[in-house]
Amino acid sequence: MDTEKHTMTALFEQLGLPADDASIDSFIAKHSPLPAEVALQDAPFWGESQSTFLEEGLEEDSDWAEIIDELDARMRH
């Protein structure tokens, strides 16, 4: 089991997206605010594998869940 505390940078790398701070901030700004009725993993800007990764991370309460929740919160503002 992977017990490393995941970071936002690691999450963006896992999603295959540019993972430097400026790119992360730009992505969040471009796609925010995410409407309350849209689950993060169902947002239209994710590819299928990205959406699946996010959904499984949350459903399985994996070690990624905390940072996925943080991304979700940042996307809502």
Protein backbone atom coordinates (compact mmCIF):
# COMPACT_ATOMS: atom_id res chain seq x y z
CA MET A 1 0.00 0.00 0.00
CA ASP A 2 1.22 3.46 -0.89
CA THR A 3 1.35 5.42 2.36
CA GLU A 4 2.94 8.56 0.93
CA LYS A 5 0.92 11.72 1.52
CA HIS A 6 -0.01 12.87 -1.94
CA THR A 7 0.36 16.46 -3.03
CA MET A 8 -1.53 18.51 -5.59
CA THR A 9 1.57 18.28 -7.80
CA ALA A 10 1.51 14.48 -7.58
CA LEU A 11 -2.22 14.41 -8.37
CA PHE A 12 -1.75 16.53 -11.50
CA GLU A 13 1.16 14.31 -12.55
CA GLN A 14 -1.04 11.25 -12.03
CA LEU A 15 -3.72 12.88 -14.20
CA GLY A 16 -1.14 13.54 -16.93
CA LEU A 17 -1.41 17.32 -16.59
CA PRO A 18 1.29 19.99 -16.19
CA ALA A 19 2.07 19.90 -12.49
CA ASP A 20 4.01 23.05 -11.65
CA ASP A 21 2.28 25.53 -9.32
CA ALA A 22 1.51 28.04 -12.08
CA SER A 23 -0.05 25.36 -14.32
CA ILE A 24 -2.15 23.99 -11.45
CA ASP A 25 -3.39 27.47 -10.54
CA SER A 26 -4.12 28.20 -14.20
CA PHE A 27 -6.08 24.94 -14.63
CA ILE A 28 -8.16 25.64 -11.54
CA ALA A 29 -8.83 29.24 -12.59
CA LYS A 30 -9.81 28.15 -16.12
CA HIS A 31 -12.29 25.51 -14.94
CA SER A 32 -13.71 27.19 -11.83
CA PRO A 33 -16.14 27.57 -10.36
CA LEU A 34 -17.42 24.06 -10.85
CA PRO A 35 -21.23 24.04 -10.46
CA ALA A 36 -22.46 22.49 -7.22
CA GLU A 37 -24.55 19.91 -9.08
CA VAL A 38 -21.52 18.56 -11.00
CA ALA A 39 -19.33 16.00 -9.23
CA LEU A 40 -15.65 16.69 -9.74
CA GLN A 41 -15.08 13.42 -11.58
CA ASP A 42 -18.03 14.16 -13.90
CA ALA A 43 -16.78 17.55 -15.05
CA PRO A 44 -16.64 17.74 -18.86
CA PHE A 45 -12.97 18.75 -19.02
CA TRP A 46 -11.63 15.37 -17.82
CA GLY A 47 -10.71 12.56 -20.15
CA GLU A 48 -12.20 9.13 -19.46
CA SER A 49 -9.15 7.77 -17.64
CA GLN A 50 -8.82 10.94 -15.55
CA SER A 51 -12.47 10.79 -14.55
CA THR A 52 -12.16 7.10 -13.66
CA PHE A 53 -9.06 7.73 -11.54
CA LEU A 54 -10.80 10.51 -9.60
CA GLU A 55 -14.00 8.50 -9.14
CA GLU A 56 -12.17 5.38 -7.94
CA GLY A 57 -9.96 7.42 -5.63
CA LEU A 58 -13.03 8.84 -3.91
CA GLU A 59 -15.19 5.70 -3.94
CA GLU A 60 -12.44 3.51 -2.51
CA ASP A 61 -11.40 6.21 -0.03
CA SER A 62 -7.88 5.64 -1.30
CA ASP A 63 -4.82 7.52 -0.15
CA TRP A 64 -5.58 9.92 -3.03
CA ALA A 65 -9.01 10.85 -1.62
CA GLU A 66 -7.80 13.68 0.62
CA ILE A 67 -5.99 15.54 -2.17
CA ILE A 68 -8.86 14.88 -4.61
CA ASP A 69 -11.19 16.46 -2.03
CA GLU A 70 -8.82 19.42 -1.79
CA LEU A 71 -8.89 19.86 -5.57
CA ASP A 72 -12.69 19.64 -5.48
CA ALA A 73 -12.86 22.37 -2.84
CA ARG A 74 -10.50 24.61 -4.82
CA MET A 75 -12.60 24.10 -7.98
CA ARG A 76 -15.75 25.31 -6.20
CA HIS A 77 -14.49 28.84 -5.41
